[in-house]
Structure formats: C-alpha cells, structure tokens
Amino acid sequence: MDEDNYLVETTMEDIDFLAPRLRQADIQECQAASGMEPKEVLIEGLKAGHFTFTLTPRKGVRVGIWGVVKSPTYDNAGIIWMMATEELLEYQIKFLRRSRVYIELVQKEFSILHNVVDARNELHIKWLKFMGFKFIQRHENFGVAKLPFYEFLRI
C-alpha cells in the first residue's frame, strides 16, 4: 500500500513467524472467542480474508498482522481484525500515524467495519477508540470461554 512497504501481503511464512510471538492478550482473545490457537485463527484469516497484511516497520521486521473478511452480517461491511507482538510498541508512533491512513483506505471499500474485542485486551480497546470505532454492545458471555467481549463498529 505504500512505497516503504510498511504493509506487505501476508504469507504463511509470516504466520509461522508471528504466531509464537503474539502478545498474551491476543492469544487469550483467540482462545476465549473461538477455542482455537492463534496460528489456526491466522491461517483462517488468511484463507477467508478479503485482504491480509503483515506489519513490517522496517526491512526484515514483522510485528503484527491484520486483515478484513467480508461480513456475512451486513452488506458492504468487513470484519476487521489484528494481532501483534510486543515489539509493535517499539513502533507505536509510526503505527498510530499509519493506522488512520489505512483505515480510511479500507473504509472506502467497506462502509462498515466491525468485530468484537476481548474486554481484557486494553491495548486494542484504546487503539480502536483512537481509530474512531464505536463500542455498541457488551456481550457478557461471548465465545467458547463465555467471557465479556465488546462489539464495535465504524461507519
């Protein structure tokens, strides 16, 4: 999407590299929502994704992965998701600046972006608020673990 390859199309090599390095909060969220291990979730995201990108703040460095899957719930909507390593925090200013640009590009294709986030995943909740997502409902018993999750969207 840009000249310095901040985002590159995700490969299985990226998933193999990132899955064992993910933040504990992202691992917990995968397990609580689906009962699946993060690597399985990432592979599904890659297979079903409308697009999937790996965050590469500099050559040879991979710190996260995100994508959008066409929503079965709403017309012209996408289910947005992201997982990251702790190393993403080293690039947080660059990440935050670029996030808004990329969300705007995605929003041109999907009028609604939505998903759920584990209520324990404070870092992602802060990022979602910063990006202009609205939290529309708290589900007290969501997923296989029956834990609180927030439903969010951006129109």
Protein backbone atom coordinates (compact mmCIF):
# COMPACT_ATOMS: atom_id res chain seq x y z
CA MET A 1 0.00 0.00 0.00
CA ASP A 2 2.92 2.41 0.34
CA GLU A 3 6.39 2.91 -1.02
CA ASP A 4 8.36 1.74 2.01
CA ASN A 5 6.40 -1.50 2.39
CA TYR A 6 5.05 -0.82 5.86
CA LEU A 7 2.39 -3.35 4.98
CA VAL A 8 3.07 -6.39 2.85
CA GLU A 9 0.68 -9.11 1.77
CA THR A 10 0.75 -11.87 4.36
CA THR A 11 2.37 -15.21 3.61
CA MET A 12 2.39 -18.48 5.54
CA GLU A 13 5.99 -17.65 6.48
CA ASP A 14 4.70 -14.50 8.23
CA ILE A 15 2.13 -16.54 10.14
CA ASP A 16 4.75 -19.12 11.14
CA PHE A 17 6.99 -16.31 12.39
CA LEU A 18 4.33 -14.26 14.22
CA ALA A 19 2.10 -16.93 15.81
CA PRO A 20 4.53 -17.96 18.58
CA ARG A 21 5.45 -14.31 19.27
CA LEU A 22 1.99 -12.79 19.74
CA ARG A 23 1.03 -10.69 22.73
CA GLN A 24 -0.50 -12.72 25.57
CA ALA A 25 -3.71 -10.66 25.32
CA ASP A 26 -4.10 -11.65 21.64
CA ILE A 27 -3.51 -15.31 22.43
CA GLN A 28 -6.12 -15.18 25.21
CA GLU A 29 -8.59 -13.43 22.92
CA CYS A 30 -8.28 -16.12 20.22
CA GLN A 31 -8.73 -18.91 22.72
CA ALA A 32 -11.64 -17.21 24.52
CA ALA A 33 -13.56 -16.37 21.35
CA SER A 34 -13.06 -19.50 19.27
CA GLY A 35 -11.22 -22.08 21.35
CA MET A 36 -8.59 -22.11 18.59
CA GLU A 37 -4.89 -21.45 18.85
CA PRO A 38 -3.71 -18.17 17.27
CA LYS A 39 -1.90 -19.88 14.40
CA GLU A 40 -5.15 -21.60 13.38
CA VAL A 41 -7.01 -18.28 13.58
CA LEU A 42 -4.35 -16.54 11.49
CA ILE A 43 -4.50 -19.25 8.83
CA GLU A 44 -8.30 -18.93 8.70
CA GLY A 45 -7.96 -15.15 8.42
CA LEU A 46 -5.56 -15.55 5.52
CA LYS A 47 -7.81 -18.07 3.74
CA ALA A 48 -11.06 -16.14 4.23
CA GLY A 49 -9.60 -12.65 4.11
CA HIS A 50 -10.58 -10.08 1.57
CA PHE A 51 -7.06 -8.95 2.30
CA THR A 52 -4.46 -9.69 4.96
CA PHE A 53 -1.32 -7.64 5.64
CA THR A 54 1.77 -8.06 7.79
CA LEU A 55 3.09 -5.00 9.62
CA THR A 56 6.74 -4.50 8.68
CA PRO A 57 8.01 -1.20 10.13
CA ARG A 58 11.45 -1.81 8.65
CA LYS A 59 13.02 -4.41 6.37
CA GLY A 60 13.11 -7.86 7.92
CA VAL A 61 10.99 -6.91 10.94
CA ARG A 62 7.47 -8.31 11.40
CA VAL A 63 5.46 -7.05 14.37
CA GLY A 64 1.83 -7.78 13.57
CA ILE A 65 -0.81 -8.89 11.15
CA TRP A 66 -4.25 -7.56 10.29
CA GLY A 67 -6.96 -8.04 7.75
CA VAL A 68 -10.56 -7.74 6.74
CA VAL A 69 -13.01 -10.53 5.95
CA LYS A 70 -16.25 -9.75 4.12
CA SER A 71 -19.03 -9.69 6.69
CA PRO A 72 -21.87 -12.22 6.50
CA THR A 73 -23.88 -9.95 8.81
CA TYR A 74 -24.04 -6.60 6.97
CA ASP A 75 -23.98 -5.61 3.31
CA ASN A 76 -20.86 -3.72 2.23
CA ALA A 77 -19.21 -4.47 5.57
CA GLY A 78 -15.97 -6.05 6.68
CA ILE A 79 -14.88 -7.82 9.82
CA ILE A 80 -11.60 -6.19 10.78
CA TRP A 81 -9.04 -7.93 12.98
CA MET A 82 -5.48 -7.53 14.16
CA MET A 83 -2.88 -9.41 16.23
CA ALA A 84 0.56 -8.16 17.20
CA THR A 85 3.75 -8.92 19.05
CA GLU A 86 5.04 -6.88 22.00
CA GLU A 87 7.59 -5.38 19.56
CA LEU A 88 4.80 -3.35 17.96
CA LEU A 89 5.13 -0.96 20.91
CA GLU A 90 8.62 -0.03 19.69
CA TYR A 91 6.98 1.36 16.54
CA GLN A 92 3.78 2.69 18.11
CA ILE A 93 4.06 6.28 16.81
CA LYS A 94 4.64 5.10 13.24
CA PHE A 95 1.87 2.52 13.68
CA LEU A 96 -0.65 5.05 15.03
CA ARG A 97 0.07 7.56 12.26
CA ARG A 98 -0.26 4.96 9.54
CA SER A 99 -3.29 3.25 11.07
CA ARG A 100 -5.57 6.17 10.31
CA VAL A 101 -4.45 6.26 6.68
CA TYR A 102 -5.04 2.54 6.21
CA ILE A 103 -8.40 2.54 7.98
CA GLU A 104 -9.55 5.35 5.68
CA LEU A 105 -8.46 3.31 2.64
CA VAL A 106 -10.31 0.24 3.92
CA GLN A 107 -13.36 2.35 4.71
CA LYS A 108 -13.58 3.36 1.03
CA GLU A 109 -14.20 -0.29 0.20
CA PHE A 110 -16.36 -1.24 3.19
CA SER A 111 -18.85 1.29 4.54
CA ILE A 112 -19.00 -0.61 7.85
CA LEU A 113 -16.08 -2.20 9.71
CA HIS A 114 -16.98 -4.30 12.74
CA ASN A 115 -15.96 -7.12 15.07
CA VAL A 116 -15.65 -7.94 18.77
CA VAL A 117 -12.74 -7.49 21.17
CA ASP A 118 -12.00 -9.24 24.44
CA ALA A 119 -12.81 -6.84 27.28
CA ARG A 120 -9.41 -7.75 28.83
CA ASN A 121 -7.49 -6.57 25.75
CA GLU A 122 -6.96 -2.99 26.95
CA LEU A 123 -4.36 -2.07 24.33
CA HIS A 124 -6.63 -2.99 21.43
CA ILE A 125 -9.58 -1.21 23.02
CA LYS A 126 -7.52 2.00 23.29
CA TRP A 127 -6.40 1.65 19.66
CA LEU A 128 -9.98 1.05 18.47
CA LYS A 129 -11.19 4.18 20.28
CA PHE A 130 -8.29 6.17 18.82
CA MET A 131 -9.28 4.94 15.35
CA GLY A 132 -12.86 6.14 15.77
CA PHE A 133 -14.59 2.81 16.34
CA LYS A 134 -17.71 2.92 18.48
CA PHE A 135 -18.48 0.29 21.08
CA ILE A 136 -22.11 -0.66 20.61
CA GLN A 137 -22.67 -3.58 22.96
CA ARG A 138 -21.01 -5.54 25.73
CA HIS A 139 -21.60 -9.30 25.46
CA GLU A 140 -21.13 -10.79 28.91
CA ASN A 141 -20.85 -14.43 27.81
CA PHE A 142 -19.19 -14.36 24.41
CA GLY A 143 -17.33 -17.17 22.68
CA VAL A 144 -16.36 -20.60 23.91
CA ALA A 145 -14.98 -19.21 27.19
CA LYS A 146 -18.17 -17.19 27.87
CA LEU A 147 -16.19 -14.05 28.75
CA PRO A 148 -17.05 -10.37 28.29
CA PHE A 149 -16.38 -9.01 24.79
CA TYR A 150 -17.25 -5.63 23.28
CA GLU A 151 -18.87 -5.39 19.88
CA PHE A 152 -17.54 -2.42 17.91
CA LEU A 153 -18.06 -0.77 14.54
CA ARG A 154 -17.01 2.16 12.40
CA ILE A 155 -19.24 3.64 9.72
